[in-house]
Amino acid sequence: MTQSSVGTVPGQRLRFAPFDQAMKAHDLIYLDNNATTKVDPAVVEEMMPYLTELYGNPSSGYRFGQQVGKGLDQARERVAALIGCEPGEIIFTSCGTESTNAAINSALQMDRDRQHIVTTRVEHSATLKHCETLAKRGHEITWLGVDDRGQIDLAELEKSIRPDTALVTVMWANNETGVLFPIHEIAGIVRAKKALFHTDAVQAVGKIPLNLAESKINFLSLSGHKLHCPKGVGVLYVNRRTKFAPYLIGGGQEHGKRAGTENVASIVGLGKACEVAGANLEHENTVVRAWRDTFENGALGTIEGAQVNGDAEHRLPNTSNLAFDGI
């Protein structure tokens, strides 16, 4: 991005035009909602009272703080409704990366005789980098590859789980290709092997229906800024029957599972974003899917050597990843 200078009197320090002057909204065609999303106006409206009048600390013992705590309770209920779990299974975090790191850290602390991790080579860096760091510290990591459709071999996955395996972590939807892994089937395999299972569902939440109450998933990560909520807020789902060791230790926030004063306004915004996403699930899986297919069919039909990357059937309705011969 080239910034335009304003005021060029000799010896005067150059000042630069702000971004909104350099690129107006109408000049931008944004096609990267898997990276981040624009904040929904309804989310901003829901947040505003908690950025102005309702600024109390929800951990305080007096009424001014406790009424703020009610906003957290409502947000927890809204998130739980979207992913099909109990409100008490929701832990608010700062982002999807923290959630993923917390799940991996907890699994390794549960049993010192179980320090092996199974994951894939196509995970988000929140998982990849953490596992690479753990490998340098002596933990053994099994890395599963994918086939030309971007899918893993479930038989290979099952064989990779050992008596000393602490955790299997596989993303629900790939952020680049949109490929969906058979998460419920994977969770069943992992449960049968008596290991814990985590899924990075950052890209899946709000785009496909989820029902964790009927799954064998122990941990799930999600991030607000993929759901038209501000950056800096996320969730870790921990199944109520799963033991959990806190990643951040300090005060008793989040029922003792994540210390640190809650980012109340953003959490409230996340709750609203989840409510909106739930109402739009059918739209995502019909209208948006049809837009994607129309775009792809047009590209494949008019550009010689164009092809869709990954599993064309099992993928997110909003995601297109194309390759072109020679480019």
Protein backbone atom coordinates (compact mmCIF):
# COMPACT_ATOMS: atom_id res chain seq x y z
CA MET A 1 0.00 0.00 0.00
CA THR A 2 1.41 3.33 -1.05
CA GLN A 3 0.66 6.13 1.41
CA SER A 4 0.34 9.70 0.12
CA SER A 5 2.32 12.40 1.88
CA VAL A 6 0.64 15.57 3.08
CA GLY A 7 2.64 18.81 3.48
CA THR A 8 6.13 18.89 1.98
CA VAL A 9 7.60 22.12 3.33
CA PRO A 10 11.42 21.73 3.44
CA GLY A 11 12.54 20.47 6.83
CA GLN A 12 9.03 19.57 7.85
CA ARG A 13 8.42 15.98 8.92
CA LEU A 14 6.20 14.17 6.43
CA ARG A 15 2.74 13.21 7.56
CA PHE A 16 0.87 10.34 5.93
CA ALA A 17 -2.76 10.09 4.99
CA PRO A 18 -4.65 7.54 7.10
CA PHE A 19 -5.57 4.23 5.51
CA ASP A 20 -9.20 5.18 4.97
CA GLN A 21 -8.06 8.05 2.76
CA ALA A 22 -5.62 5.87 0.85
CA MET A 23 -8.18 3.19 0.13
CA LYS A 24 -11.88 3.90 0.44
CA ALA A 25 -14.23 1.04 1.19
CA HIS A 26 -15.75 1.21 -2.27
CA ASP A 27 -12.29 0.63 -3.80
CA LEU A 28 -11.87 -2.67 -1.97
CA ILE A 29 -13.10 -6.07 -3.16
CA TYR A 30 -12.51 -8.24 -0.10
CA LEU A 31 -12.42 -12.01 -0.67
CA ASP A 32 -10.64 -13.28 2.43
CA ASN A 33 -13.26 -13.88 5.11
CA ASN A 34 -11.35 -16.97 6.23
CA ALA A 35 -8.60 -14.59 7.39
CA THR A 36 -10.85 -12.13 9.17
CA THR A 37 -14.30 -10.58 8.86
CA LYS A 38 -15.84 -7.15 9.06
CA VAL A 39 -17.55 -6.54 12.40
CA ASP A 40 -21.33 -6.81 12.13
CA PRO A 41 -23.14 -3.54 13.05
CA ALA A 42 -25.46 -5.58 15.30
CA VAL A 43 -22.38 -6.80 17.19
CA VAL A 44 -21.07 -3.24 17.60
CA GLU A 45 -24.46 -2.11 18.95
CA GLU A 46 -24.49 -4.98 21.46
CA MET A 47 -20.99 -4.10 22.65
CA MET A 48 -21.40 -0.34 23.07
CA PRO A 49 -23.00 -0.31 26.55
CA TYR A 50 -20.07 -2.39 27.84
CA LEU A 51 -17.62 0.13 26.39
CA THR A 52 -19.38 3.10 27.97
CA GLU A 53 -21.78 2.78 30.92
CA LEU A 54 -21.37 -0.88 31.93
CA TYR A 55 -17.65 -0.88 32.65
CA GLY A 56 -17.69 -2.79 35.95
CA ASN A 57 -15.45 -5.77 36.65
CA PRO A 58 -17.56 -8.96 36.51
CA SER A 59 -15.31 -10.54 39.14
CA SER A 60 -16.20 -7.88 41.71
CA GLY A 61 -18.65 -8.59 44.51
CA TYR A 62 -20.93 -5.57 44.15
CA ARG A 63 -23.98 -5.05 41.94
CA PHE A 64 -22.30 -2.77 39.36
CA GLY A 65 -19.90 -5.59 38.46
CA GLN A 66 -22.46 -8.34 38.80
CA GLN A 67 -24.76 -6.79 36.19
CA VAL A 68 -21.82 -6.91 33.80
CA GLY A 69 -21.45 -10.58 34.70
CA LYS A 70 -24.96 -11.15 33.38
CA GLY A 71 -23.71 -10.09 29.97
CA LEU A 72 -21.06 -12.81 30.14
CA ASP A 73 -23.72 -15.37 31.11
CA GLN A 74 -25.87 -14.44 28.13
CA ALA A 75 -22.87 -14.62 25.79
CA ARG A 76 -21.98 -18.07 27.13
CA GLU A 77 -25.52 -19.26 26.44
CA ARG A 78 -25.46 -17.87 22.89
CA VAL A 79 -22.14 -19.52 22.04
CA ALA A 80 -23.33 -22.82 23.50
CA ALA A 81 -26.51 -22.63 21.43
CA LEU A 82 -24.52 -22.25 18.20
CA ILE A 83 -22.22 -25.22 18.77
CA GLY A 84 -24.72 -27.44 20.59
CA CYS A 85 -23.25 -27.77 24.08
CA GLU A 86 -23.90 -26.64 27.66
CA PRO A 87 -23.01 -23.06 28.70
CA GLY A 88 -20.79 -24.43 31.47
CA GLU A 89 -18.57 -26.06 28.84
CA ILE A 90 -17.59 -22.67 27.38
CA ILE A 91 -14.35 -20.96 28.42
CA PHE A 92 -13.72 -17.48 27.00
CA THR A 93 -10.16 -16.83 25.81
CA SER A 94 -8.29 -14.17 23.85
CA CYS A 95 -8.28 -16.02 20.51
CA GLY A 96 -8.32 -19.37 18.75
CA THR A 97 -4.57 -19.72 19.19
CA GLU A 98 -4.81 -19.47 22.97
CA SER A 99 -7.68 -21.96 22.98
CA THR A 100 -5.69 -24.48 20.94
CA ASN A 101 -2.57 -24.03 23.04
CA ALA A 102 -4.61 -24.43 26.23
CA ALA A 103 -6.16 -27.70 25.03
CA ILE A 104 -2.79 -29.19 24.06
CA ASN A 105 -1.20 -28.03 27.32
CA SER A 106 -4.02 -29.52 29.41
CA ALA A 107 -3.88 -32.90 27.67
CA LEU A 108 -0.14 -33.19 28.34
CA GLN A 109 -0.61 -32.38 32.03
CA MET A 110 -3.27 -35.02 32.66
CA ASP A 111 -0.93 -38.01 32.55
CA ARG A 112 2.86 -37.78 32.60
CA ASP A 113 3.03 -41.23 30.97
CA ARG A 114 1.07 -39.92 27.98
CA GLN A 115 3.17 -37.31 26.17
CA HIS A 116 2.71 -38.32 22.51
CA ILE A 117 0.61 -36.19 20.13
CA VAL A 118 -0.93 -37.04 16.77
CA THR A 119 -1.77 -34.24 14.34
CA THR A 120 -1.73 -33.42 10.61
CA ARG A 121 0.64 -31.48 8.40
CA VAL A 122 -2.14 -29.16 7.20
CA GLU A 123 -3.11 -27.65 10.56
CA HIS A 124 -3.20 -23.95 11.31
CA SER A 125 0.04 -22.53 12.71
CA ALA A 126 -1.58 -22.36 16.17
CA THR A 127 -1.27 -26.16 16.21
CA LEU A 128 1.73 -26.66 13.91
CA LYS A 129 4.05 -24.23 15.68
CA HIS A 130 3.06 -25.42 19.12
CA CYS A 131 3.69 -29.06 18.21
CA GLU A 132 7.02 -28.17 16.56
CA THR A 133 8.05 -26.43 19.78
CA LEU A 134 6.97 -29.42 21.86
CA ALA A 135 9.03 -31.70 19.60
CA LYS A 136 12.11 -29.59 20.35
CA ARG A 137 11.40 -30.09 24.05
CA GLY A 138 11.38 -33.87 23.69
CA HIS A 139 7.74 -34.70 22.98
CA GLU A 140 7.12 -37.14 20.16
CA ILE A 141 4.77 -35.87 17.46
CA THR A 142 3.23 -38.03 14.74
CA TRP A 143 2.51 -35.96 11.62
CA LEU A 144 -0.21 -37.31 9.30
CA GLY A 145 -0.20 -36.34 5.65
CA VAL A 146 -3.19 -35.87 3.35
CA ASP A 147 -4.10 -37.28 -0.07
CA ASP A 148 -4.77 -35.33 -3.27
CA ARG A 149 -8.24 -34.45 -1.95
CA GLY A 150 -6.77 -33.03 1.23
CA GLN A 151 -8.14 -35.90 3.34
CA ILE A 152 -6.34 -38.03 5.92
CA ASP A 153 -6.28 -41.83 5.97
CA LEU A 154 -8.41 -42.89 8.94
CA ALA A 155 -6.71 -46.29 9.12
CA GLU A 156 -3.33 -44.56 9.37
CA LEU A 157 -4.74 -42.25 12.04
CA GLU A 158 -5.96 -45.20 14.10
CA LYS A 159 -2.61 -46.98 13.84
CA SER A 160 -0.82 -43.80 14.95
CA ILE A 161 -2.59 -43.70 18.33
CA ARG A 162 -0.46 -45.42 20.95
CA PRO A 163 -0.84 -46.26 24.64
CA ASP A 164 1.22 -43.15 25.44
CA THR A 165 -0.80 -40.82 23.18
CA ALA A 166 -2.11 -37.86 25.16
CA LEU A 167 -3.96 -36.06 22.39
CA VAL A 168 -5.05 -36.22 18.78
CA THR A 169 -5.65 -32.77 17.28
CA VAL A 170 -7.20 -32.40 13.81
CA MET A 171 -8.79 -29.25 12.40
CA TRP A 172 -12.48 -29.41 11.47
CA ALA A 173 -12.13 -27.32 8.30
CA ASN A 174 -8.97 -26.29 6.48
CA ASN A 175 -8.60 -22.51 6.32
CA GLU A 176 -7.01 -22.58 2.84
CA THR A 177 -9.03 -25.19 0.92
CA GLY A 178 -12.16 -25.41 3.06
CA VAL A 179 -11.83 -29.22 3.14
CA LEU A 180 -13.87 -30.76 5.97
CA PHE A 181 -12.41 -33.67 7.90
CA PRO A 182 -14.81 -36.39 9.20
CA ILE A 183 -14.45 -35.06 12.73
CA HIS A 184 -17.15 -37.12 14.44
CA GLU A 185 -15.70 -40.33 12.99
CA ILE A 186 -12.20 -39.29 14.03
CA ALA A 187 -13.41 -38.43 17.54
CA GLY A 188 -14.96 -41.90 17.82
CA ILE A 189 -11.70 -43.58 16.82
CA VAL A 190 -9.74 -41.51 19.34
CA ARG A 191 -12.23 -42.18 22.15
CA ALA A 192 -12.05 -45.94 21.49
CA LYS A 193 -8.27 -45.69 21.86
CA LYS A 194 -8.71 -43.89 25.20
CA ALA A 195 -6.89 -40.71 24.12
CA LEU A 196 -8.19 -37.13 24.18
CA PHE A 197 -9.35 -35.34 21.02
CA HIS A 198 -9.15 -31.65 20.12
CA THR A 199 -10.39 -29.95 16.98
CA ASP A 200 -9.54 -26.49 15.71
CA ALA A 201 -13.00 -25.45 14.48
CA VAL A 202 -12.14 -21.80 13.88
CA GLN A 203 -13.18 -22.00 10.22
CA ALA A 204 -16.14 -24.34 10.71
CA VAL A 205 -18.13 -22.56 13.42
CA GLY A 206 -20.96 -20.51 11.96
CA LYS A 207 -20.59 -22.05 8.50
CA ILE A 208 -21.86 -25.58 9.07
CA PRO A 209 -24.19 -26.96 11.78
CA LEU A 210 -22.41 -28.35 14.84
CA ASN A 211 -23.84 -30.41 17.67
CA LEU A 212 -21.22 -31.17 20.30
CA ALA A 213 -23.74 -32.75 22.64
CA GLU A 214 -23.79 -35.78 20.35
CA SER A 215 -20.05 -35.91 19.69
CA LYS A 216 -17.03 -37.50 21.36
CA ILE A 217 -14.96 -34.32 21.10
CA ASN A 218 -13.08 -33.31 24.27
CA PHE A 219 -11.85 -29.86 23.20
CA LEU A 220 -12.84 -27.40 20.46
CA SER A 221 -11.37 -24.00 19.57
CA LEU A 222 -13.16 -21.08 17.92
CA SER A 223 -12.31 -17.45 17.25
CA GLY A 224 -14.56 -14.38 17.24
CA HIS A 225 -13.01 -12.48 14.36
CA LYS A 226 -14.02 -15.23 11.92
CA LEU A 227 -17.66 -14.59 12.92
CA HIS A 228 -17.97 -10.82 12.30
CA CYS A 229 -16.83 -10.05 15.84
CA PRO A 230 -13.77 -7.97 16.85
CA LYS A 231 -10.35 -9.58 17.08
CA GLY A 232 -9.08 -10.56 20.49
CA VAL A 233 -11.75 -12.95 21.75
CA GLY A 234 -12.15 -16.70 21.39
CA VAL A 235 -13.58 -19.79 23.04
CA LEU A 236 -12.32 -23.14 24.23
CA TYR A 237 -15.02 -25.77 24.57
CA VAL A 238 -14.17 -28.39 27.20
CA ASN A 239 -16.52 -31.35 27.50
CA ARG A 240 -17.90 -31.43 31.02
CA ARG A 241 -16.61 -34.99 31.53
CA THR A 242 -13.06 -34.02 30.48
CA LYS A 243 -10.50 -33.07 33.11
CA PHE A 244 -8.86 -29.73 32.42
CA ALA A 245 -5.67 -28.06 33.65
CA PRO A 246 -5.74 -24.23 33.26
CA TYR A 247 -3.26 -22.66 30.86
CA LEU A 248 -3.40 -19.23 32.56
CA ILE A 249 -3.26 -19.26 36.35
CA GLY A 250 -4.22 -16.38 38.62
CA GLY A 251 -7.69 -15.24 39.63
CA GLY A 252 -10.75 -17.43 39.60
CA GLN A 253 -12.24 -16.15 36.33
CA GLU A 254 -14.06 -18.52 33.96
CA HIS A 255 -14.90 -20.83 36.87
CA GLY A 256 -11.21 -21.23 37.63
CA LYS A 257 -10.38 -22.49 34.12
CA ARG A 258 -8.84 -19.34 32.61
CA ALA A 259 -7.41 -16.59 34.78
CA GLY A 260 -7.43 -12.95 33.75
CA THR A 261 -10.08 -10.24 33.70
CA GLU A 262 -12.55 -11.02 30.93
CA ASN A 263 -12.69 -8.90 27.77
CA VAL A 264 -16.35 -8.22 28.50
CA ALA A 265 -17.35 -6.06 25.54
CA SER A 266 -15.82 -8.43 23.01
CA ILE A 267 -17.26 -11.48 24.76
CA VAL A 268 -20.70 -9.89 24.63
CA GLY A 269 -20.06 -9.14 20.96
CA LEU A 270 -19.07 -12.75 20.35
CA GLY A 271 -22.31 -13.91 21.90
CA LYS A 272 -24.28 -11.70 19.52
CA ALA A 273 -22.15 -12.81 16.56
CA CYS A 274 -22.92 -16.45 17.39
CA GLU A 275 -26.62 -15.66 17.56
CA VAL A 276 -26.47 -14.00 14.13
CA ALA A 277 -24.40 -16.85 12.69
CA GLY A 278 -26.92 -19.40 13.92
CA ALA A 279 -29.73 -17.51 12.21
CA ASN A 280 -27.71 -17.43 8.96
CA LEU A 281 -26.61 -21.07 8.81
CA GLU A 282 -29.20 -21.99 6.19
CA HIS A 283 -28.19 -18.97 4.11
CA GLU A 284 -24.54 -20.07 4.27
CA ASN A 285 -25.36 -23.58 3.14
CA THR A 286 -27.76 -22.63 0.35
CA VAL A 287 -27.25 -19.12 -1.05
CA VAL A 288 -23.53 -18.75 -0.30
CA ARG A 289 -22.86 -22.30 -1.48
CA ALA A 290 -24.67 -21.52 -4.75
CA TRP A 291 -22.58 -18.36 -5.23
CA ARG A 292 -19.41 -20.40 -4.72
CA ASP A 293 -20.51 -23.05 -7.21
CA THR A 294 -21.51 -20.44 -9.80
CA PHE A 295 -18.12 -18.76 -9.47
CA GLU A 296 -16.22 -22.04 -9.74
CA ASN A 297 -18.26 -23.37 -12.65
CA GLY A 298 -17.64 -20.13 -14.51
CA ALA A 299 -13.90 -20.30 -13.88
CA LEU A 300 -13.59 -24.00 -14.72
CA GLY A 301 -15.68 -23.59 -17.86
CA THR A 302 -13.84 -20.61 -19.30
CA ILE A 303 -10.23 -20.91 -18.10
CA GLU A 304 -8.29 -23.80 -19.57
CA GLY A 305 -6.28 -25.70 -16.96
CA ALA A 306 -8.26 -24.42 -13.96
CA GLN A 307 -9.04 -26.86 -11.16
CA VAL A 308 -10.43 -26.90 -7.63
CA ASN A 309 -7.92 -27.78 -4.92
CA GLY A 310 -9.02 -30.33 -2.35
CA ASP A 311 -12.15 -32.38 -1.79
CA ALA A 312 -14.79 -30.77 -4.00
CA GLU A 313 -17.63 -32.41 -2.07
CA HIS A 314 -16.63 -32.29 1.59
CA ARG A 315 -15.76 -28.64 2.17
CA LEU A 316 -17.07 -25.37 3.53
CA PRO A 317 -19.83 -23.64 1.56
CA ASN A 318 -17.99 -20.30 1.53
CA THR A 319 -14.51 -21.37 0.42
CA SER A 320 -12.96 -21.63 -3.05
CA ASN A 321 -9.36 -22.58 -3.71
CA LEU A 322 -8.36 -22.80 -7.37
CA ALA A 323 -5.17 -23.68 -9.22
CA PHE A 324 -4.26 -22.77 -12.80
CA ASP A 325 -1.85 -24.75 -14.95
CA GLY A 326 1.39 -22.88 -15.54
CA ILE A 327 0.78 -20.35 -12.76
